[in-house]
């Protein structure tokens, strides 16, 4: 379940972070990453990030206490560090209070505090919200902000996989003032701390996210992330149409291999056919116990 949530984050990490010095010099601020979703997004609110389509978009808008790196190890996110009690039940997270929420006319520009996590987790558990993700806190006895920078969680019993569960997007931090301003419409007016901020959403047609210039994370060279200027998502349900958009250079990435174009793109050895070797990059990996294939167009912007 945790791997399913993070596969797209890993793909975007490849795009954002794992670049050679030469590649980094070729990335410019006008870069837009375009991909297609077959299933429409029904909410950009992290407490409803149940489906892959929702998770992929929400992952670019929000952060939680912790996240997963390329090797699926749990690493700090908004929590700079944490300590676990000797009995394995109490987790004390040190919050990076320099992290900023995305700007919004109704939100006084401010930084994240431990109290924002207390609010966000209470909201996740609120039965009125009927979040499908409230189960992630089933093993938690209590949680509270001790001050602006310390957030403490006490488990009912020791549970080694707890940090992995906290990487799920259900556990993202949200600003109370904006949630209470929009109420149910927060689903289409998301404000978070992620590498991209919300720009425009025409439901079932297009979603546009723009670069967050105040994003708190940097790459391994110390350069500011994200490199990309924007992410653009379309919602074509037909696989063949999606593939044609890839070949025409209208989208940069598709996932999966459909029978409608399987023989055209790969040979019997599972390799790219000659016509596509210099046009498309193919990424393989395990995905839900089946082969996972993703196709990237060779960038013409380089």
Foldseek 3Di string as FASTA:
>chain_A
DLCLLCPLVLVVCCVFFVDDPVVLVLQAAAFEAEAEDQDWDDFCDLLQCDDNVNSNNVQQFFFFQWAAYNVRDIAGDQFNDWDADPQQFKIKTFGNQLQWKFDDPQDDTGGQFLVQLVVLLVVSCPVVVVRPLNVLCVQWDDWDHPDRTIIMTGGPHHDPCNSSSCNRSSSTGADPRVCVVCPVCCRVQPMYRGQWHFDDDDTQAKGKTAGDPRRDDDYPVRHDDGSYGMYMYGHHNDPVVSVVCLVVVVHFKDKDDDPVCNVVQAPPVRHGDPVCPQFKDWDWDDDPNDIIIMIGTDDPSD
